[in-house]
């Protein structure tokens, strides 16, 4: 029996004998594409590779990786639900420029519509049933920066991009509430003064 394994080169060389097992304790860092041919990794003749369960795919044409889809439209495209302990988005000020405060966020947020919906063609059990979210086309009319369009025209929403507007909308609303409270307190004092004069 023989197996093929390469890192950083293609085509892979042949390893003769019993199918080898690789055990790595620690981190494996690969700068490039991993090619393989064996029981758990199948070469697709230059078009990409797939794991034997048929769930993970990549295409060398775009370097996109798909989980549960053979046609990934993004660098990482998951067709289904992904889970993890935490996900951190790079947001260091040292990597940013032209930083500007948001204005008029409350009026814009009021134009957004939260909805419940169901997927027309759920691919797995946890995609079935009612979901919560927004509609990409509606968000695009208000915050086009929060919407992406894949090569096949499918639109997606970067929900993280809506955090900033929501924060500023709450602050604007709170400012209006504070102003209204001050006005109410002032009217109450005036009313109390009038009551005292009428006694």
Protein backbone atom coordinates (compact mmCIF):
# COMPACT_ATOMS: atom_id res chain seq x y z
CA UNK A 1 0.00 0.00 0.00
CA UNK A 2 1.22 3.54 -0.62
CA UNK A 3 0.13 7.00 0.44
CA UNK A 4 0.86 10.52 -0.73
CA UNK A 5 1.68 13.47 1.48
CA UNK A 6 3.19 16.86 0.67
CA UNK A 7 3.45 20.26 2.30
CA UNK A 8 4.47 23.19 0.11
CA UNK A 9 4.92 21.16 -3.07
CA UNK A 10 2.88 19.44 -5.74
CA UNK A 11 2.64 16.80 -7.09
CA UNK A 12 3.16 14.82 -3.91
CA UNK A 13 5.78 12.15 -3.54
CA UNK A 14 4.95 8.52 -2.89
CA UNK A 15 5.40 6.94 0.52
CA UNK A 16 5.53 3.16 0.08
CA UNK A 17 4.45 0.59 2.61
CA UNK A 18 1.67 0.72 5.14
CA UNK A 19 -0.51 3.82 5.26
CA UNK A 20 1.30 6.18 7.63
CA UNK A 21 -0.28 7.96 10.57
CA UNK A 22 0.74 11.49 11.47
CA UNK A 23 0.45 12.58 15.08
CA UNK A 24 1.03 16.24 15.92
CA UNK A 25 1.17 17.53 19.46
CA UNK A 26 0.97 21.30 19.30
CA UNK A 27 0.27 23.60 16.36
CA UNK A 28 0.65 22.87 12.66
CA UNK A 29 1.27 25.97 10.55
CA UNK A 30 1.17 25.59 6.77
CA UNK A 31 1.81 28.53 4.47
CA UNK A 32 0.05 27.30 1.36
CA UNK A 33 -2.24 24.43 0.37
CA UNK A 34 -2.25 20.89 1.76
CA UNK A 35 -2.57 18.16 -0.87
CA UNK A 36 -3.22 14.55 -0.07
CA UNK A 37 -4.31 11.24 -1.53
CA UNK A 38 -5.47 8.48 0.79
CA UNK A 39 -8.35 7.20 2.88
CA UNK A 40 -9.15 10.50 4.53
CA UNK A 41 -7.99 13.05 1.96
CA UNK A 42 -8.69 12.73 -1.73
CA UNK A 43 -7.03 14.71 -4.51
CA UNK A 44 -9.54 16.16 -6.97
CA UNK A 45 -7.11 16.55 -9.89
CA UNK A 46 -6.25 20.17 -9.22
CA UNK A 47 -9.81 21.34 -8.58
CA UNK A 48 -9.41 21.08 -4.81
CA UNK A 49 -9.75 18.42 -2.14
CA UNK A 50 -12.47 16.90 -0.02
CA UNK A 51 -12.54 14.90 3.17
CA UNK A 52 -14.10 11.44 3.00
CA UNK A 53 -17.33 12.41 4.85
CA UNK A 54 -17.94 14.83 1.98
CA UNK A 55 -18.26 17.87 4.20
CA UNK A 56 -15.09 19.94 3.75
CA UNK A 57 -14.07 21.28 0.35
CA UNK A 58 -11.62 23.78 -1.06
CA UNK A 59 -11.01 25.03 -4.54
CA UNK A 60 -7.54 25.98 -5.73
CA UNK A 61 -9.10 28.44 -8.18
CA UNK A 62 -10.07 30.86 -5.40
CA UNK A 63 -8.52 29.32 -2.25
CA UNK A 64 -12.02 29.39 -0.73
CA UNK A 65 -12.90 26.71 1.81
CA UNK A 66 -16.40 25.30 2.08
CA UNK A 67 -17.89 23.27 4.91
CA UNK A 68 -21.08 21.56 3.82
CA UNK A 69 -20.92 23.18 0.39
CA UNK A 70 -18.97 22.31 -2.76
CA UNK A 71 -19.24 25.86 -4.07
CA UNK A 72 -17.77 28.19 -1.41
CA UNK A 73 -18.29 31.87 -2.23
CA UNK A 74 -16.13 33.22 0.61
CA UNK A 75 -12.69 32.49 2.05
CA UNK A 76 -14.55 30.35 4.61
CA UNK A 77 -18.11 29.38 3.67
CA UNK A 78 -20.13 27.28 6.12
CA UNK A 79 -23.46 25.93 4.91
CA UNK A 80 -25.10 25.26 8.24
CA UNK A 81 -24.37 26.30 11.81
CA UNK A 82 -20.87 26.78 13.23
CA UNK A 83 -20.12 26.77 16.96
CA UNK A 84 -17.20 27.86 19.07
CA UNK A 85 -16.25 29.17 22.49
CA UNK A 86 -15.55 32.67 21.19
CA UNK A 87 -14.79 34.61 18.02
CA UNK A 88 -12.65 37.75 18.06
CA UNK A 89 -12.73 40.37 15.32
CA UNK A 90 -9.60 42.45 14.79
CA UNK A 91 -10.44 46.01 15.89
CA UNK A 92 -7.16 47.57 17.03
CA UNK A 93 -6.99 51.34 16.41
CA UNK A 94 -3.42 50.85 15.17
CA UNK A 95 -4.81 49.06 12.11
CA UNK A 96 -7.44 51.71 11.32
CA UNK A 97 -7.48 55.11 9.68
CA UNK A 98 -10.09 57.74 8.78
CA UNK A 99 -12.01 56.90 11.97
CA UNK A 100 -15.18 59.00 12.17
CA UNK A 101 -18.04 59.07 14.66
CA UNK A 102 -21.46 57.90 13.49
CA UNK A 103 -24.29 60.43 13.33
CA UNK A 104 -28.01 59.99 12.82
CA UNK A 105 -27.85 56.33 13.81
CA UNK A 106 -31.22 56.31 15.56
CA UNK A 107 -33.13 57.37 12.44
CA UNK A 108 -31.29 54.77 10.38
CA UNK A 109 -31.81 51.95 12.87
CA UNK A 110 -35.52 52.77 12.94
CA UNK A 111 -35.56 51.98 9.21
CA UNK A 112 -34.32 48.44 9.84
CA UNK A 113 -36.74 45.59 10.33
CA UNK A 114 -36.17 42.63 12.60
CA UNK A 115 -37.94 39.51 11.34
CA UNK A 116 -38.50 35.84 11.97
CA UNK A 117 -38.04 33.54 9.00
CA UNK A 118 -37.44 29.97 7.88
CA UNK A 119 -34.90 28.74 5.33
CA UNK A 120 -36.52 27.49 2.13
CA UNK A 121 -34.03 24.63 1.72
CA UNK A 122 -32.39 23.80 5.05
CA UNK A 123 -29.40 21.51 4.58
CA UNK A 124 -29.35 20.18 8.12
CA UNK A 125 -31.55 19.89 11.19
CA UNK A 126 -30.34 22.98 13.04
CA UNK A 127 -31.29 25.16 10.07
CA UNK A 128 -34.93 24.11 10.33
CA UNK A 129 -37.58 26.06 12.21
CA UNK A 130 -38.09 29.76 12.84
CA UNK A 131 -34.98 31.97 12.94
CA UNK A 132 -34.37 35.58 13.97
CA UNK A 133 -32.57 38.17 11.89
CA UNK A 134 -32.85 40.74 9.13
CA UNK A 135 -33.17 40.79 5.34
CA UNK A 136 -29.96 41.62 3.48
CA UNK A 137 -31.65 43.67 0.76
CA UNK A 138 -33.39 45.83 3.37
CA UNK A 139 -30.20 46.38 5.36
CA UNK A 140 -28.33 47.27 2.16
CA UNK A 141 -30.65 50.25 1.61
CA UNK A 142 -29.65 51.71 4.98
CA UNK A 143 -26.15 50.33 5.66
CA UNK A 144 -24.63 49.01 2.42
CA UNK A 145 -21.31 48.54 4.26
CA UNK A 146 -22.92 45.74 6.28
CA UNK A 147 -23.95 43.70 3.24
CA UNK A 148 -21.79 41.51 1.02
CA UNK A 149 -22.68 40.00 -2.33
CA UNK A 150 -21.04 36.75 -3.43
CA UNK A 151 -19.95 35.96 -6.97
CA UNK A 152 -23.25 34.16 -7.57
CA UNK A 153 -25.29 37.16 -6.38
CA UNK A 154 -26.27 35.82 -2.95
CA UNK A 155 -26.31 38.56 -0.31
CA UNK A 156 -25.18 38.21 3.29
CA UNK A 157 -25.23 40.46 6.34
CA UNK A 158 -22.24 41.20 8.55
CA UNK A 159 -24.17 41.40 11.82
CA UNK A 160 -21.04 42.66 13.62
CA UNK A 161 -21.12 45.77 11.41
CA UNK A 162 -24.46 46.70 12.95
CA UNK A 163 -23.07 46.84 16.49
CA UNK A 164 -21.64 50.35 16.06
CA UNK A 165 -24.88 51.88 14.72
CA UNK A 166 -26.91 50.14 17.45
CA UNK A 167 -24.61 51.52 20.16
CA UNK A 168 -24.90 55.05 18.81
CA UNK A 169 -28.67 54.69 18.34
CA UNK A 170 -29.08 53.75 22.01
CA UNK A 171 -26.93 56.71 23.03
CA UNK A 172 -28.97 59.09 20.87
CA UNK A 173 -32.21 57.72 22.28
CA UNK A 174 -30.90 58.01 25.84
CA UNK A 175 -29.90 61.62 25.16
CA UNK A 176 -33.45 62.37 23.98
CA UNK A 177 -34.89 60.66 27.07
CA UNK A 178 -32.61 62.69 29.35
CA UNK A 179 -33.64 65.93 27.65
CA UNK A 180 -37.31 65.02 27.95
CA UNK A 181 -36.91 64.20 31.65
CA UNK A 182 -35.28 67.57 32.26
CA UNK A 183 -38.14 69.32 30.44
CA UNK A 184 -40.72 67.35 32.46
CA UNK A 185 -38.95 68.21 35.74
CA UNK A 186 -38.93 71.88 34.73
CA UNK A 187 -42.65 71.83 33.91
CA UNK A 188 -43.38 70.13 37.23
CA UNK A 189 -41.53 72.86 39.12
CA UNK A 190 -43.45 75.53 37.23
CA UNK A 191 -46.72 73.74 38.00
CA UNK A 192 -45.82 73.49 41.69
CA UNK A 193 -45.06 77.24 41.75
CA UNK A 194 -48.41 78.03 40.16
CA UNK A 195 -50.18 75.84 42.71
CA UNK A 196 -48.46 77.69 45.52
CA UNK A 197 -49.57 81.07 44.10
CA UNK A 198 -53.19 79.90 43.82
CA UNK A 199 -53.39 78.90 47.47
